[in-house]
Amino acid sequence: MKKNTEIHESQWDDIYDAIKRAKYNKSDFDFETQNLTQRPAGVQVDEIVEITVTNNLTQIKKIFVSGTGPDWVRDFDNDLQAGFFERK
């Protein structure tokens, strides 16, 4: 598993729990990030990060966005439970 520093440290336990509940191993997934935050001079803004999650077993990918609305980790967990990352 690639553990990316753009993902907040407090989220990793929830990510690992979701993976375990879905009967996967941590090593089955990679998390790649891209920071999309635009910082106008003198303006405080929240971080916006695009997270690409790849199932290494199936090569199925999904992009989540952190910092805009609902918790992306919950969405990832829901996708795991729904079988999104399984081979079709």
Foldseek 3Di string as FASTA:
>chain_A
DADDPVPPPVCPVLLCVLCVVLVHHPVQKDKDKDWPDDDDPPDDDDTKMWIWIAGNVARDIDIDIPDPDDDVSVVVSVCSVVCVRPDD
